[in-house]
Amino acid sequence: MLENEFSLDKTDLHILRLLQENARMSNADMARELGMAPSGVLERVKKLEQKNVIQQYTTRINPNALQQKLLAFIFIKANVGPGCDSVVTDELAKIPEVQEVHHVAGDDCYLVKIRTYDSASLMEIMRTRFAVIPNMMSTRTTIVLETVKEQQQLVIPEK
């Protein structure tokens, strides 16, 4: 099922499932779950990190705890095609409130996910940060009223 340059076996996939569920899981607990020696698990995890399969460990913070209650998706048209001009994507990626930048097919060139405090702070970011990015022609913003599901976890096959 996973025929690619990473060549992950069943144990690797199990480790990924465990870490994705709880990145703070101890090496000893993983070893017990997998029926392996802790040193073997540690070696596998290190190899997954070296291969760039595991890219980073993060903490998921409730945005409401930081008063970041506004989530918006902004479609951006640029006067150059995706991949032709990294200035737009580079500048968008520098904005701290921007969580994701995607090249997209269709009428728009980019889709940006942005999280901020309220509509006034969103407008300020668009006026001061977006407006100075070269090659941007237009934006179309969709404000999220309610989030039903939001996750970063990937579906990891059983193999």
N, C-alpha and C. Protein backbone atom coordinates (compact mmCIF):
# COMPACT_ATOMS: atom_id res chain seq x y z
N MET A 1 0.82 -1.19 0.00
CA MET A 1 0.00 0.00 0.00
C MET A 1 0.87 1.26 0.00
N LEU A 2 1.95 1.29 0.79
CA LEU A 2 2.83 2.44 0.81
C LEU A 2 4.07 2.15 -0.04
N GLU A 3 3.92 2.17 -1.33
CA GLU A 3 5.03 1.94 -2.24
C GLU A 3 5.67 3.29 -2.54
N ASN A 4 6.64 3.70 -1.75
CA ASN A 4 7.30 4.97 -2.00
C ASN A 4 8.72 4.94 -1.47
N GLU A 5 9.40 6.07 -1.54
CA GLU A 5 10.80 6.13 -1.15
C GLU A 5 11.02 5.94 0.34
N PHE A 6 9.98 5.99 1.15
CA PHE A 6 10.16 5.83 2.59
C PHE A 6 10.21 4.37 3.01
N SER A 7 9.64 3.48 2.24
CA SER A 7 9.59 2.03 2.53
C SER A 7 9.38 1.75 4.02
N LEU A 8 8.17 1.97 4.47
CA LEU A 8 7.80 1.76 5.86
C LEU A 8 7.22 0.37 6.04
N ASP A 9 7.66 -0.32 7.08
CA ASP A 9 7.10 -1.64 7.35
C ASP A 9 6.00 -1.53 8.41
N LYS A 10 5.45 -2.67 8.79
CA LYS A 10 4.32 -2.71 9.73
C LYS A 10 4.70 -2.09 11.08
N THR A 11 5.91 -2.35 11.55
CA THR A 11 6.36 -1.80 12.83
C THR A 11 6.49 -0.28 12.75
N ASP A 12 7.07 0.22 11.65
CA ASP A 12 7.17 1.67 11.47
C ASP A 12 5.80 2.32 11.52
N LEU A 13 4.85 1.71 10.82
CA LEU A 13 3.49 2.26 10.79
C LEU A 13 2.85 2.25 12.17
N HIS A 14 3.11 1.19 12.94
CA HIS A 14 2.57 1.11 14.30
C HIS A 14 3.17 2.21 15.17
N ILE A 15 4.47 2.42 15.03
CA ILE A 15 5.14 3.50 15.78
C ILE A 15 4.52 4.85 15.41
N LEU A 16 4.29 5.07 14.13
CA LEU A 16 3.70 6.33 13.69
C LEU A 16 2.30 6.52 14.26
N ARG A 17 1.51 5.46 14.29
CA ARG A 17 0.17 5.55 14.87
C ARG A 17 0.25 5.93 16.36
N LEU A 18 1.15 5.27 17.08
CA LEU A 18 1.29 5.55 18.51
C LEU A 18 1.73 6.99 18.76
N LEU A 19 2.73 7.44 18.01
CA LEU A 19 3.25 8.80 18.21
C LEU A 19 2.26 9.86 17.76
N GLN A 20 1.51 9.56 16.71
CA GLN A 20 0.53 10.53 16.24
C GLN A 20 -0.59 10.70 17.27
N GLU A 21 -0.92 9.61 17.94
CA GLU A 21 -1.95 9.67 18.99
C GLU A 21 -1.43 10.38 20.23
N ASN A 22 -0.14 10.15 20.56
CA ASN A 22 0.45 10.75 21.76
C ASN A 22 1.95 10.90 21.55
N ALA A 23 2.37 12.07 21.09
CA ALA A 23 3.79 12.30 20.81
C ALA A 23 4.66 12.26 22.07
N ARG A 24 4.03 12.33 23.23
CA ARG A 24 4.77 12.28 24.50
C ARG A 24 4.89 10.86 25.05
N MET A 25 4.41 9.88 24.30
CA MET A 25 4.49 8.50 24.76
C MET A 25 5.95 8.12 24.98
N SER A 26 6.23 7.54 26.12
CA SER A 26 7.62 7.19 26.43
C SER A 26 8.09 6.04 25.56
N ASN A 27 9.38 5.98 25.40
CA ASN A 27 10.00 4.90 24.63
C ASN A 27 9.69 3.54 25.26
N ALA A 28 9.69 3.49 26.59
CA ALA A 28 9.40 2.24 27.30
C ALA A 28 7.96 1.79 27.04
N ASP A 29 7.01 2.74 27.08
CA ASP A 29 5.61 2.39 26.81
C ASP A 29 5.42 1.92 25.38
N MET A 30 6.10 2.58 24.45
CA MET A 30 6.02 2.13 23.05
C MET A 30 6.59 0.74 22.89
N ALA A 31 7.69 0.48 23.55
CA ALA A 31 8.33 -0.83 23.46
C ALA A 31 7.39 -1.92 23.99
N ARG A 32 6.72 -1.64 25.11
CA ARG A 32 5.75 -2.62 25.65
C ARG A 32 4.62 -2.86 24.66
N GLU A 33 4.09 -1.78 24.09
CA GLU A 33 2.99 -1.88 23.13
C GLU A 33 3.38 -2.68 21.89
N LEU A 34 4.63 -2.51 21.47
CA LEU A 34 5.11 -3.16 20.25
C LEU A 34 5.72 -4.54 20.50
N GLY A 35 5.98 -4.86 21.77
CA GLY A 35 6.65 -6.12 22.09
C GLY A 35 8.10 -6.13 21.64
N MET A 36 8.75 -4.99 21.79
CA MET A 36 10.14 -4.84 21.37
C MET A 36 10.98 -4.32 22.54
N ALA A 37 12.29 -4.35 22.34
CA ALA A 37 13.19 -3.76 23.32
C ALA A 37 13.18 -2.24 23.13
N PRO A 38 13.28 -1.48 24.24
CA PRO A 38 13.30 -0.03 24.11
C PRO A 38 14.38 0.49 23.17
N SER A 39 15.53 -0.15 23.17
CA SER A 39 16.62 0.30 22.28
C SER A 39 16.23 0.13 20.81
N GLY A 40 15.50 -0.93 20.49
CA GLY A 40 15.05 -1.16 19.11
C GLY A 40 14.03 -0.11 18.68
N VAL A 41 13.15 0.27 19.60
CA VAL A 41 12.15 1.29 19.30
C VAL A 41 12.83 2.63 19.10
N LEU A 42 13.77 2.95 19.99
CA LEU A 42 14.50 4.21 19.87
C LEU A 42 15.23 4.30 18.54
N GLU A 43 15.85 3.22 18.13
CA GLU A 43 16.56 3.19 16.85
C GLU A 43 15.60 3.42 15.68
N ARG A 44 14.44 2.79 15.75
CA ARG A 44 13.43 2.95 14.69
C ARG A 44 12.93 4.39 14.62
N VAL A 45 12.64 4.98 15.77
CA VAL A 45 12.15 6.36 15.81
C VAL A 45 13.22 7.30 15.24
N LYS A 46 14.47 7.09 15.62
CA LYS A 46 15.56 7.93 15.10
C LYS A 46 15.67 7.80 13.58
N LYS A 47 15.50 6.61 13.05
CA LYS A 47 15.55 6.41 11.59
C LYS A 47 14.38 7.10 10.91
N LEU A 48 13.20 7.05 11.53
CA LEU A 48 12.03 7.74 10.98
C LEU A 48 12.25 9.26 10.97
N GLU A 49 12.94 9.76 11.97
CA GLU A 49 13.27 11.19 12.01
C GLU A 49 14.30 11.52 10.92
N GLN A 50 15.32 10.69 10.79
CA GLN A 50 16.37 10.92 9.79
C GLN A 50 15.83 10.87 8.36
N LYS A 51 14.88 9.98 8.12
CA LYS A 51 14.26 9.86 6.78
C LYS A 51 13.25 10.98 6.52
N ASN A 52 13.02 11.82 7.53
CA ASN A 52 12.05 12.91 7.44
C ASN A 52 10.61 12.41 7.34
N VAL A 53 10.37 11.20 7.85
CA VAL A 53 9.00 10.70 7.97
C VAL A 53 8.35 11.42 9.15
N ILE A 54 9.05 11.44 10.29
CA ILE A 54 8.63 12.25 11.43
C ILE A 54 9.34 13.59 11.26
N GLN A 55 8.55 14.63 11.05
CA GLN A 55 9.12 15.94 10.75
C GLN A 55 9.27 16.82 11.98
N GLN A 56 8.38 16.69 12.93
CA GLN A 56 8.51 17.46 14.16
C GLN A 56 7.49 16.97 15.18
N TYR A 57 7.71 17.35 16.42
CA TYR A 57 6.78 17.07 17.51
C TYR A 57 6.20 18.41 17.95
N THR A 58 4.89 18.48 18.08
CA THR A 58 4.27 19.76 18.42
C THR A 58 3.24 19.58 19.53
N THR A 59 2.81 20.71 20.06
CA THR A 59 1.74 20.75 21.04
C THR A 59 0.55 21.43 20.40
N ARG A 60 -0.61 20.84 20.50
CA ARG A 60 -1.82 21.45 19.96
C ARG A 60 -2.45 22.30 21.06
N ILE A 61 -2.59 23.60 20.81
CA ILE A 61 -3.11 24.54 21.79
C ILE A 61 -4.50 24.98 21.35
N ASN A 62 -5.41 25.05 22.29
CA ASN A 62 -6.76 25.53 22.00
C ASN A 62 -6.67 27.01 21.64
N PRO A 63 -7.03 27.40 20.41
CA PRO A 63 -6.91 28.81 20.01
C PRO A 63 -7.75 29.75 20.88
N ASN A 64 -8.85 29.27 21.43
CA ASN A 64 -9.69 30.10 22.29
C ASN A 64 -8.96 30.51 23.57
N ALA A 65 -8.03 29.67 24.02
CA ALA A 65 -7.26 30.00 25.22
C ALA A 65 -6.40 31.23 24.99
N LEU A 66 -6.07 31.51 23.73
CA LEU A 66 -5.26 32.67 23.37
C LEU A 66 -6.10 33.76 22.71
N GLN A 67 -7.42 33.62 22.84
CA GLN A 67 -8.38 34.58 22.27
C GLN A 67 -8.31 34.66 20.75
N GLN A 68 -7.77 33.63 20.10
CA GLN A 68 -7.70 33.59 18.64
C GLN A 68 -8.95 32.88 18.13
N LYS A 69 -10.03 33.61 18.11
CA LYS A 69 -11.34 33.03 17.84
C LYS A 69 -11.76 33.09 16.39
N LEU A 70 -11.03 33.84 15.56
CA LEU A 70 -11.43 33.97 14.17
C LEU A 70 -10.56 33.09 13.28
N LEU A 71 -11.22 32.23 12.53
CA LEU A 71 -10.54 31.38 11.55
C LEU A 71 -11.08 31.74 10.19
N ALA A 72 -10.19 31.98 9.24
CA ALA A 72 -10.62 32.35 7.90
C ALA A 72 -9.76 31.64 6.87
N PHE A 73 -10.36 31.44 5.70
CA PHE A 73 -9.66 30.91 4.54
C PHE A 73 -9.68 32.00 3.49
N ILE A 74 -8.53 32.31 2.94
CA ILE A 74 -8.43 33.38 1.96
C ILE A 74 -7.93 32.80 0.65
N PHE A 75 -8.74 32.98 -0.40
CA PHE A 75 -8.34 32.59 -1.74
C PHE A 75 -7.64 33.79 -2.36
N ILE A 76 -6.49 33.56 -2.96
CA ILE A 76 -5.69 34.65 -3.51
C ILE A 76 -5.43 34.40 -4.99
N LYS A 77 -5.65 35.44 -5.79
CA LYS A 77 -5.26 35.42 -7.19
C LYS A 77 -3.98 36.22 -7.32
N ALA A 78 -3.06 35.69 -8.09
CA ALA A 78 -1.80 36.40 -8.34
C ALA A 78 -1.64 36.53 -9.85
N ASN A 79 -0.81 37.49 -10.26
CA ASN A 79 -0.63 37.67 -11.69
C ASN A 79 0.46 36.77 -12.26
N VAL A 80 0.90 35.82 -11.47
CA VAL A 80 1.82 34.77 -11.94
C VAL A 80 1.27 33.44 -11.44
N GLY A 81 1.58 32.38 -12.15
CA GLY A 81 1.06 31.07 -11.78
C GLY A 81 1.77 30.46 -10.60
N PRO A 82 1.12 29.52 -9.91
CA PRO A 82 1.75 28.82 -8.79
C PRO A 82 3.07 28.17 -9.24
N GLY A 83 4.05 28.29 -8.41
CA GLY A 83 5.34 27.69 -8.72
C GLY A 83 6.23 28.60 -9.54
N CYS A 84 5.64 29.62 -10.17
CA CYS A 84 6.42 30.54 -11.00
C CYS A 84 7.04 31.65 -10.18
N ASP A 85 6.42 31.99 -9.09
CA ASP A 85 6.90 33.12 -8.30
C ASP A 85 6.77 32.77 -6.83
N SER A 86 7.89 32.49 -6.21
CA SER A 86 7.83 32.12 -4.79
C SER A 86 7.74 33.34 -3.89
N VAL A 87 7.80 34.56 -4.46
CA VAL A 87 7.70 35.76 -3.64
C VAL A 87 6.38 35.78 -2.88
N VAL A 88 5.28 35.47 -3.57
CA VAL A 88 3.96 35.48 -2.92
C VAL A 88 3.94 34.47 -1.78
N THR A 89 4.31 33.24 -2.06
CA THR A 89 4.25 32.20 -1.02
C THR A 89 5.24 32.47 0.10
N ASP A 90 6.42 32.94 -0.24
CA ASP A 90 7.41 33.24 0.79
C ASP A 90 6.92 34.33 1.74
N GLU A 91 6.33 35.39 1.17
CA GLU A 91 5.84 36.49 1.99
C GLU A 91 4.63 36.07 2.83
N LEU A 92 3.72 35.29 2.24
CA LEU A 92 2.57 34.79 3.01
C LEU A 92 3.04 33.92 4.18
N ALA A 93 4.02 33.08 3.92
CA ALA A 93 4.52 32.17 4.95
C ALA A 93 5.20 32.90 6.10
N LYS A 94 5.65 34.11 5.88
CA LYS A 94 6.31 34.90 6.93
C LYS A 94 5.32 35.50 7.92
N ILE A 95 4.06 35.55 7.57
CA ILE A 95 3.04 36.17 8.44
C ILE A 95 2.69 35.17 9.55
N PRO A 96 2.95 35.51 10.80
CA PRO A 96 2.75 34.55 11.89
C PRO A 96 1.34 33.98 11.99
N GLU A 97 0.33 34.78 11.70
CA GLU A 97 -1.05 34.32 11.83
C GLU A 97 -1.45 33.35 10.71
N VAL A 98 -0.69 33.33 9.64
CA VAL A 98 -0.97 32.41 8.53
C VAL A 98 -0.51 31.02 8.94
N GLN A 99 -1.45 30.08 8.97
CA GLN A 99 -1.13 28.72 9.40
C GLN A 99 -0.81 27.79 8.24
N GLU A 100 -1.40 28.05 7.08
CA GLU A 100 -1.17 27.19 5.92
C GLU A 100 -1.20 28.04 4.66
N VAL A 101 -0.37 27.65 3.69
CA VAL A 101 -0.37 28.27 2.36
C VAL A 101 -0.34 27.13 1.35
N HIS A 102 -1.33 27.11 0.46
CA HIS A 102 -1.43 26.03 -0.53
C HIS A 102 -1.54 26.62 -1.93
N HIS A 103 -0.82 26.02 -2.90
CA HIS A 103 -1.07 26.30 -4.32
C HIS A 103 -2.32 25.49 -4.67
N VAL A 104 -3.26 26.09 -5.36
CA VAL A 104 -4.49 25.37 -5.69
C VAL A 104 -4.80 25.48 -7.18
N ALA A 105 -5.55 24.50 -7.66
CA ALA A 105 -6.02 24.52 -9.04
C ALA A 105 -7.34 25.27 -9.08
N GLY A 106 -7.67 25.85 -10.20
CA GLY A 106 -8.94 26.56 -10.35
C GLY A 106 -8.72 28.03 -10.60
N ASP A 107 -9.72 28.82 -10.31
CA ASP A 107 -9.67 30.26 -10.57
C ASP A 107 -8.63 30.98 -9.72
N ASP A 108 -8.42 30.50 -8.51
CA ASP A 108 -7.47 31.15 -7.61
C ASP A 108 -6.12 30.44 -7.69
N CYS A 109 -5.09 31.13 -7.23
CA CYS A 109 -3.74 30.56 -7.24
C CYS A 109 -3.35 29.94 -5.90
N TYR A 110 -3.80 30.58 -4.81
CA TYR A 110 -3.39 30.14 -3.48
C TYR A 110 -4.58 30.10 -2.55
N LEU A 111 -4.49 29.22 -1.56
CA LEU A 111 -5.46 29.16 -0.47
C LEU A 111 -4.66 29.30 0.82
N VAL A 112 -5.07 30.24 1.66
CA VAL A 112 -4.37 30.52 2.90
C VAL A 112 -5.32 30.31 4.07
N LYS A 113 -4.83 29.63 5.08
CA LYS A 113 -5.58 29.47 6.33
C LYS A 113 -4.96 30.43 7.33
N ILE A 114 -5.80 31.26 7.93
CA ILE A 114 -5.30 32.26 8.87
C ILE A 114 -6.16 32.25 10.13
N ARG A 115 -5.51 32.38 11.27
CA ARG A 115 -6.23 32.42 12.54
C ARG A 115 -5.79 33.68 13.28
N THR A 116 -6.78 34.43 13.77
CA THR A 116 -6.48 35.68 14.47
C THR A 116 -7.58 35.96 15.50
N TYR A 117 -7.52 37.14 16.10
CA TYR A 117 -8.41 37.46 17.22
C TYR A 117 -9.85 37.77 16.80
N ASP A 118 -9.98 38.61 15.79
CA ASP A 118 -11.32 39.06 15.39
C ASP A 118 -11.25 39.64 13.99
N SER A 119 -12.38 40.13 13.49
CA SER A 119 -12.41 40.65 12.12
C SER A 119 -11.54 41.90 11.97
N ALA A 120 -11.44 42.70 13.02
CA ALA A 120 -10.59 43.90 12.95
C ALA A 120 -9.12 43.52 12.79
N SER A 121 -8.67 42.52 13.52
CA SER A 121 -7.26 42.11 13.40
C SER A 121 -7.01 41.44 12.05
N LEU A 122 -8.00 40.72 11.53
CA LEU A 122 -7.87 40.14 10.19
C LEU A 122 -7.73 41.25 9.15
N MET A 123 -8.56 42.26 9.26
CA MET A 123 -8.51 43.38 8.32
C MET A 123 -7.16 44.09 8.40
N GLU A 124 -6.64 44.24 9.59
CA GLU A 124 -5.34 44.89 9.78
C GLU A 124 -4.22 44.09 9.10
N ILE A 125 -4.26 42.79 9.25
CA ILE A 125 -3.26 41.93 8.60
C ILE A 125 -3.37 42.05 7.08
N MET A 126 -4.58 42.05 6.59
CA MET A 126 -4.77 42.14 5.13
C MET A 126 -4.32 43.51 4.61
N ARG A 127 -4.58 44.57 5.36
CA ARG A 127 -4.19 45.92 4.93
C ARG A 127 -2.68 46.14 5.01
N THR A 128 -2.07 45.63 6.07
CA THR A 128 -0.65 45.94 6.28
C THR A 128 0.30 44.88 5.75
N ARG A 129 -0.10 43.62 5.81
CA ARG A 129 0.82 42.56 5.41
C ARG A 129 0.53 42.03 4.01
N PHE A 130 -0.74 41.77 3.70
CA PHE A 130 -1.10 41.25 2.38
C PHE A 130 -0.92 42.31 1.30
N ALA A 131 -1.31 43.53 1.60
CA ALA A 131 -1.34 44.59 0.59
C ALA A 131 0.04 44.91 0.02
N VAL A 132 1.10 44.61 0.75
CA VAL A 132 2.45 44.94 0.27
C VAL A 132 3.13 43.79 -0.47
N ILE A 133 2.46 42.66 -0.57
CA ILE A 133 3.04 41.51 -1.28
C ILE A 133 2.90 41.73 -2.78
N PRO A 134 4.02 41.70 -3.50
CA PRO A 134 3.94 41.92 -4.94
C PRO A 134 3.24 40.77 -5.66
N ASN A 135 2.65 41.08 -6.79
CA ASN A 135 2.01 40.10 -7.69
C ASN A 135 0.65 39.60 -7.22
N MET A 136 0.16 40.07 -6.07
CA MET A 136 -1.19 39.68 -5.64
C MET A 136 -2.20 40.57 -6.33
N MET A 137 -3.20 39.96 -6.96
CA MET A 137 -4.22 40.72 -7.68
C MET A 137 -5.48 40.90 -6.85
N SER A 138 -5.92 39.83 -6.19
CA SER A 138 -7.17 39.92 -5.43
C SER A 138 -7.23 38.84 -4.36
N THR A 139 -8.11 39.07 -3.39
CA THR A 139 -8.36 38.08 -2.35
C THR A 139 -9.86 37.89 -2.21
N ARG A 140 -10.22 36.72 -1.74
CA ARG A 140 -11.62 36.39 -1.45
C ARG A 140 -11.59 35.63 -0.13
N THR A 141 -12.23 36.19 0.88
CA THR A 141 -12.13 35.64 2.24
C THR A 141 -13.41 34.94 2.66
N THR A 142 -13.24 33.77 3.26
CA THR A 142 -14.35 33.03 3.84
C THR A 142 -14.08 32.90 5.34
N ILE A 143 -15.00 33.40 6.16
CA ILE A 143 -14.84 33.33 7.61
C ILE A 143 -15.59 32.11 8.12
N VAL A 144 -14.94 31.34 8.97
CA VAL A 144 -15.51 30.12 9.53
C VAL A 144 -16.43 30.50 10.69
N LEU A 145 -17.66 30.00 10.64
CA LEU A 145 -18.62 30.25 11.72
C LEU A 145 -18.51 29.21 12.83
N GLU A 146 -18.23 27.96 12.44
CA GLU A 146 -18.12 26.87 13.40
C GLU A 146 -17.23 25.80 12.79
N THR A 147 -16.36 25.25 13.60
CA THR A 147 -15.50 24.15 13.15
C THR A 147 -16.06 22.85 13.69
N VAL A 148 -16.41 21.94 12.80
CA VAL A 148 -16.95 20.64 13.20
C VAL A 148 -15.82 19.65 13.41
N LYS A 149 -14.81 19.71 12.53
CA LYS A 149 -13.66 18.81 12.65
C LYS A 149 -12.44 19.53 12.11
N GLU A 150 -11.36 19.45 12.88
CA GLU A 150 -10.08 20.01 12.45
C GLU A 150 -9.00 19.11 13.02
N GLN A 151 -8.20 18.55 12.16
CA GLN A 151 -7.15 17.67 12.65
C GLN A 151 -5.96 17.70 11.71
N GLN A 152 -4.84 17.34 12.24
CA GLN A 152 -3.61 17.22 11.45
C GLN A 152 -3.22 15.76 11.24
N GLN A 153 -3.85 14.86 11.98
CA GLN A 153 -3.48 13.46 11.91
C GLN A 153 -3.77 12.90 10.51
N LEU A 154 -2.87 12.03 10.07
CA LEU A 154 -3.04 11.33 8.81
C LEU A 154 -3.60 9.94 9.06
N VAL A 155 -4.24 9.37 8.06
CA VAL A 155 -4.69 7.98 8.15
C VAL A 155 -3.47 7.12 7.89
N ILE A 156 -3.12 6.31 8.86
CA ILE A 156 -1.95 5.44 8.73
C ILE A 156 -2.46 4.03 8.48
N PRO A 157 -2.08 3.43 7.35
CA PRO A 157 -2.58 2.09 7.02
C PRO A 157 -2.06 1.02 7.97
N GLU A 158 -2.80 -0.05 8.06
CA GLU A 158 -2.39 -1.18 8.89
C GLU A 158 -1.28 -1.97 8.21
N LYS A 159 -1.26 -1.99 6.90
CA LYS A 159 -0.33 -2.70 6.01
C LYS A 159 -0.54 -4.18 6.08
